[in-house]
N, C-alpha and C. Protein backbone atom coordinates (compact mmCIF):
# COMPACT_ATOMS: atom_id res chain seq x y z
N UNK A 1 0.91 -1.12 -0.01
CA UNK A 1 -0.10 -0.09 0.18
C UNK A 1 1.03 1.46 0.22
N UNK A 2 0.98 2.36 -0.75
CA UNK A 2 1.40 3.30 -1.13
C UNK A 2 1.42 4.07 0.48
N UNK A 3 2.00 5.00 0.43
CA UNK A 3 1.94 6.27 1.65
C UNK A 3 2.59 7.18 1.26
N UNK A 4 1.57 8.29 1.64
CA UNK A 4 2.53 9.76 1.32
C UNK A 4 2.16 10.80 2.82
N UNK A 5 3.11 11.69 3.09
CA UNK A 5 3.31 12.60 3.95
C UNK A 5 1.86 13.40 4.01
N UNK A 6 1.75 13.96 5.26
CA UNK A 6 0.72 14.46 5.37
C UNK A 6 0.75 16.11 5.07
N UNK A 7 1.64 16.42 4.36
CA UNK A 7 1.60 17.86 3.75
C UNK A 7 1.29 17.35 2.09
N UNK A 8 2.00 16.36 1.87
CA UNK A 8 1.68 16.34 0.55
C UNK A 8 0.33 15.77 0.04
N UNK A 9 -0.48 14.90 1.54
CA UNK A 9 -1.67 14.59 1.12
C UNK A 9 -2.38 16.07 1.06
N UNK A 10 -2.18 16.63 1.95
CA UNK A 10 -3.06 18.21 2.01
C UNK A 10 -2.91 18.69 0.69
N UNK A 11 -1.77 18.58 0.06
CA UNK A 11 -1.56 19.28 -1.45
C UNK A 11 -2.06 18.82 -2.59
N UNK A 12 -1.96 17.41 -2.50
CA UNK A 12 -2.61 16.74 -3.72
C UNK A 12 -4.14 15.97 -3.54
N UNK A 13 -4.73 16.68 -2.73
CA UNK A 13 -5.73 15.55 -2.00
C UNK A 13 -6.69 14.62 -2.98
N UNK A 14 -7.14 15.95 -4.01
CA UNK A 14 -7.93 15.54 -4.96
C UNK A 14 -7.64 14.22 -6.38
N UNK A 15 -6.08 14.62 -6.35
CA UNK A 15 -5.56 13.23 -6.90
C UNK A 15 -5.41 12.15 -6.14
N UNK A 16 -5.10 12.11 -4.51
CA UNK A 16 -5.21 11.22 -3.86
C UNK A 16 -6.52 10.43 -3.94
N UNK A 17 -7.68 11.62 -3.67
CA UNK A 17 -9.14 11.04 -4.04
C UNK A 17 -9.78 10.18 -5.17
N UNK A 18 -9.10 10.84 -6.13
CA UNK A 18 -9.23 9.79 -7.52
C UNK A 18 -8.59 8.28 -7.86
N UNK A 19 -7.26 8.31 -7.07
CA UNK A 19 -7.05 7.06 -6.70
C UNK A 19 -7.15 6.49 -5.89
N UNK A 20 -7.93 6.56 -4.42
CA UNK A 20 -8.75 5.70 -3.89
C UNK A 20 -10.14 5.52 -4.60
N UNK A 21 -10.87 6.46 -5.31
CA UNK A 21 -12.08 5.87 -6.25
C UNK A 21 -11.87 4.80 -6.89
N UNK A 22 -10.56 4.78 -7.30
CA UNK A 22 -10.10 3.77 -8.48
C UNK A 22 -9.86 2.38 -7.60
N UNK A 23 -10.21 2.62 -6.22
CA UNK A 23 -9.89 1.09 -5.68
C UNK A 23 -8.49 0.94 -4.86
N UNK A 24 -7.56 2.16 -4.85
CA UNK A 24 -6.31 2.20 -4.38
C UNK A 24 -6.51 2.35 -2.64
N UNK A 25 -5.79 2.02 -2.01
CA UNK A 25 -5.48 2.30 -0.61
C UNK A 25 -4.73 3.14 -0.23
N UNK A 26 -4.40 4.22 0.43
CA UNK A 26 -3.36 4.73 0.50
C UNK A 26 -3.18 5.24 2.32
N UNK A 27 -2.05 5.20 2.48
CA UNK A 27 -1.67 5.64 4.13
C UNK A 27 -1.26 6.77 4.54
N UNK A 28 -1.76 7.76 5.15
CA UNK A 28 -0.84 9.07 5.44
C UNK A 28 -0.28 9.02 6.40
N UNK A 29 1.07 9.64 6.40
CA UNK A 29 2.13 9.53 7.55
C UNK A 29 2.43 10.84 8.17
N UNK A 30 2.59 10.97 9.10
CA UNK A 30 2.87 12.34 9.74
C UNK A 30 4.56 12.14 10.39
N UNK A 31 5.54 12.51 9.98
CA UNK A 31 6.93 12.42 10.51
C UNK A 31 7.33 10.81 10.28
N UNK A 32 7.03 10.25 9.24
CA UNK A 32 7.04 8.40 8.80
C UNK A 32 6.61 7.74 9.93
N UNK A 33 5.24 8.02 10.63
CA UNK A 33 4.36 7.65 11.45
C UNK A 33 2.99 7.28 10.37
N UNK A 34 2.33 6.35 10.29
CA UNK A 34 1.25 6.13 9.84
C UNK A 34 0.19 6.73 10.96
N UNK A 35 -1.01 7.48 10.07
CA UNK A 35 -1.65 8.35 11.10
C UNK A 35 -3.40 7.78 10.59
N UNK A 36 -3.45 7.91 9.03
CA UNK A 36 -4.87 7.30 8.57
C UNK A 36 -4.42 6.54 7.37
N UNK A 37 -5.77 6.06 7.01
CA UNK A 37 -5.54 5.54 5.48
C UNK A 37 -6.95 5.72 5.23
N UNK A 38 -6.63 6.13 3.98
CA UNK A 38 -7.53 6.54 2.51
C UNK A 38 -8.33 5.27 2.10
N UNK A 39 -9.52 4.66 2.27
CA UNK A 39 -9.82 3.62 1.46
C UNK A 39 -11.17 3.88 1.04
N UNK A 40 -11.12 3.20 -0.28
CA UNK A 40 -12.77 3.34 -0.78
C UNK A 40 -13.85 3.40 -0.14
N UNK A 41 -14.97 3.47 -0.02
CA UNK A 41 -16.08 3.30 1.05
C UNK A 41 -16.70 1.68 1.00
N UNK A 42 -16.49 1.06 -0.14
CA UNK A 42 -17.05 -0.31 -0.12
C UNK A 42 -16.40 -1.26 1.29
N UNK A 43 -14.76 -0.64 1.31
CA UNK A 43 -13.86 -1.45 2.33
C UNK A 43 -13.98 -0.91 3.44
N UNK A 44 -14.68 0.18 3.51
CA UNK A 44 -14.22 0.94 5.16
C UNK A 44 -15.20 -0.05 6.18
N UNK A 45 -14.57 -0.46 7.40
CA UNK A 45 -15.21 -0.97 8.19
C UNK A 45 -16.55 -0.44 8.41
N UNK A 46 -17.66 -1.40 8.71
CA UNK A 46 -18.97 -0.81 9.04
C UNK A 46 -18.99 -1.29 10.94
N UNK A 47 -20.03 -0.62 11.43
CA UNK A 47 -19.78 -0.93 13.08
C UNK A 47 -21.61 -0.67 12.89
N UNK A 48 -22.06 -1.94 13.66
CA UNK A 48 -23.38 -1.59 14.26
C UNK A 48 -23.72 -0.83 15.64
N UNK A 49 -23.97 0.59 15.15
CA UNK A 49 -24.43 1.58 16.28
C UNK A 49 -24.64 1.13 17.81
N UNK A 50 -25.70 0.27 17.63
CA UNK A 50 -25.80 -0.48 19.36
C UNK A 50 -24.79 -0.77 19.70
N UNK A 51 -24.14 -1.82 18.87
CA UNK A 51 -22.77 -2.70 19.66
C UNK A 51 -21.82 -1.37 20.31
N UNK A 52 -21.57 -0.25 19.18
CA UNK A 52 -20.78 0.91 19.68
C UNK A 52 -21.01 1.73 20.70
N UNK A 53 -22.47 1.87 20.88
CA UNK A 53 -23.10 2.25 22.22
C UNK A 53 -22.65 1.89 23.26
N UNK A 54 -23.07 0.63 23.10
CA UNK A 54 -22.79 -0.31 24.33
C UNK A 54 -21.58 -0.48 24.91
N UNK A 55 -20.51 -0.90 24.05
CA UNK A 55 -19.12 -0.29 24.45
C UNK A 55 -18.82 0.78 25.27
N UNK A 56 -19.03 2.14 24.79
CA UNK A 56 -18.91 3.31 25.05
C UNK A 56 -19.77 2.95 26.59
N UNK A 57 -20.71 2.55 26.69
CA UNK A 57 -21.37 2.38 27.88
C UNK A 57 -20.51 1.94 28.93
N UNK A 58 -19.94 0.53 28.36
CA UNK A 58 -19.15 -0.35 29.36
C UNK A 58 -18.18 0.51 29.75
N UNK A 59 -17.49 1.53 28.55
CA UNK A 59 -15.91 1.86 29.03
C UNK A 59 -16.17 3.03 30.51
N UNK A 60 -17.37 3.83 30.17
CA UNK A 60 -17.82 4.85 30.80
C UNK A 60 -18.02 4.33 32.50
N UNK A 61 -18.38 2.83 33.00
CA UNK A 61 -19.14 2.58 33.92
C UNK A 61 -18.06 2.38 34.83
N UNK A 62 -18.63 3.02 36.01
CA UNK A 62 -17.54 3.08 37.15
C UNK A 62 -16.31 4.51 37.21
N UNK A 63 -16.61 4.92 35.87
CA UNK A 63 -15.65 5.99 35.79
C UNK A 63 -16.31 7.26 36.34
N UNK A 64 -15.19 8.25 37.04
CA UNK A 64 -16.02 9.23 37.77
C UNK A 64 -14.80 10.63 37.37
N UNK A 65 -15.53 11.90 37.04
CA UNK A 65 -14.62 12.83 37.41
C UNK A 65 -14.19 13.47 38.20
N UNK A 66 -12.79 13.93 38.15
CA UNK A 66 -11.92 14.14 39.51
C UNK A 66 -12.99 15.11 40.54
N UNK A 67 -12.74 15.36 41.75
CA UNK A 67 -13.70 16.08 42.49
C UNK A 67 -13.65 17.67 41.88
N UNK A 68 -14.78 18.39 41.83
CA UNK A 68 -14.78 19.39 41.53
C UNK A 68 -14.99 20.14 39.92
N UNK A 69 -14.91 19.01 39.12
CA UNK A 69 -14.68 19.00 37.78
C UNK A 69 -16.24 18.56 37.11
N UNK A 70 -16.80 19.51 36.40
CA UNK A 70 -17.89 18.97 35.98
C UNK A 70 -17.75 19.01 34.34
N UNK A 71 -18.80 18.33 33.65
CA UNK A 71 -18.68 18.20 31.99
C UNK A 71 -18.86 19.24 31.36
N UNK A 72 -19.60 20.48 32.22
CA UNK A 72 -19.49 21.76 31.78
C UNK A 72 -17.99 22.62 31.57
N UNK A 73 -17.10 22.09 33.03
CA UNK A 73 -15.99 22.73 32.90
C UNK A 73 -15.17 22.12 31.48
N UNK A 74 -15.42 21.02 31.10
CA UNK A 74 -14.39 19.96 30.27
C UNK A 74 -14.76 20.64 29.10
N UNK A 75 -16.60 20.89 28.73
CA UNK A 75 -16.66 21.23 27.24
C UNK A 75 -16.06 23.00 27.16
N UNK A 76 -16.24 23.81 28.11
CA UNK A 76 -15.56 24.83 28.30
C UNK A 76 -14.09 25.03 27.52
N UNK A 77 -13.18 23.96 28.43
CA UNK A 77 -12.03 23.89 28.35
C UNK A 77 -11.41 23.61 26.58
N UNK A 78 -12.13 22.56 26.29
CA UNK A 78 -12.16 22.09 25.00
C UNK A 78 -12.48 22.84 23.82
N UNK A 79 -13.23 24.22 24.06
CA UNK A 79 -13.60 25.15 23.12
C UNK A 79 -12.73 25.87 23.06
N UNK A 80 -11.76 25.90 24.10
CA UNK A 80 -10.37 27.45 24.30
C UNK A 80 -9.38 26.93 23.04
N UNK A 81 -9.32 25.59 23.00
CA UNK A 81 -8.34 24.89 22.03
C UNK A 81 -8.83 25.15 20.73
């Protein structure tokens, strides 16, 4: 599978999308480390929405925010970045 750097991917996105439309899979790297893969939609993994929601609920079970921190605080902090 061919790979391209993030800068090159940004610069040549249209060309890369055409190649992917023809069935090619392309890995995008950042400083030599793979960070994403462009794949045709027919080969992209499909997830069952119910299974994903159940997995998220299981992941969050028993986890709590640190004392004095609210979800609103986290949302506001995320908006600053």
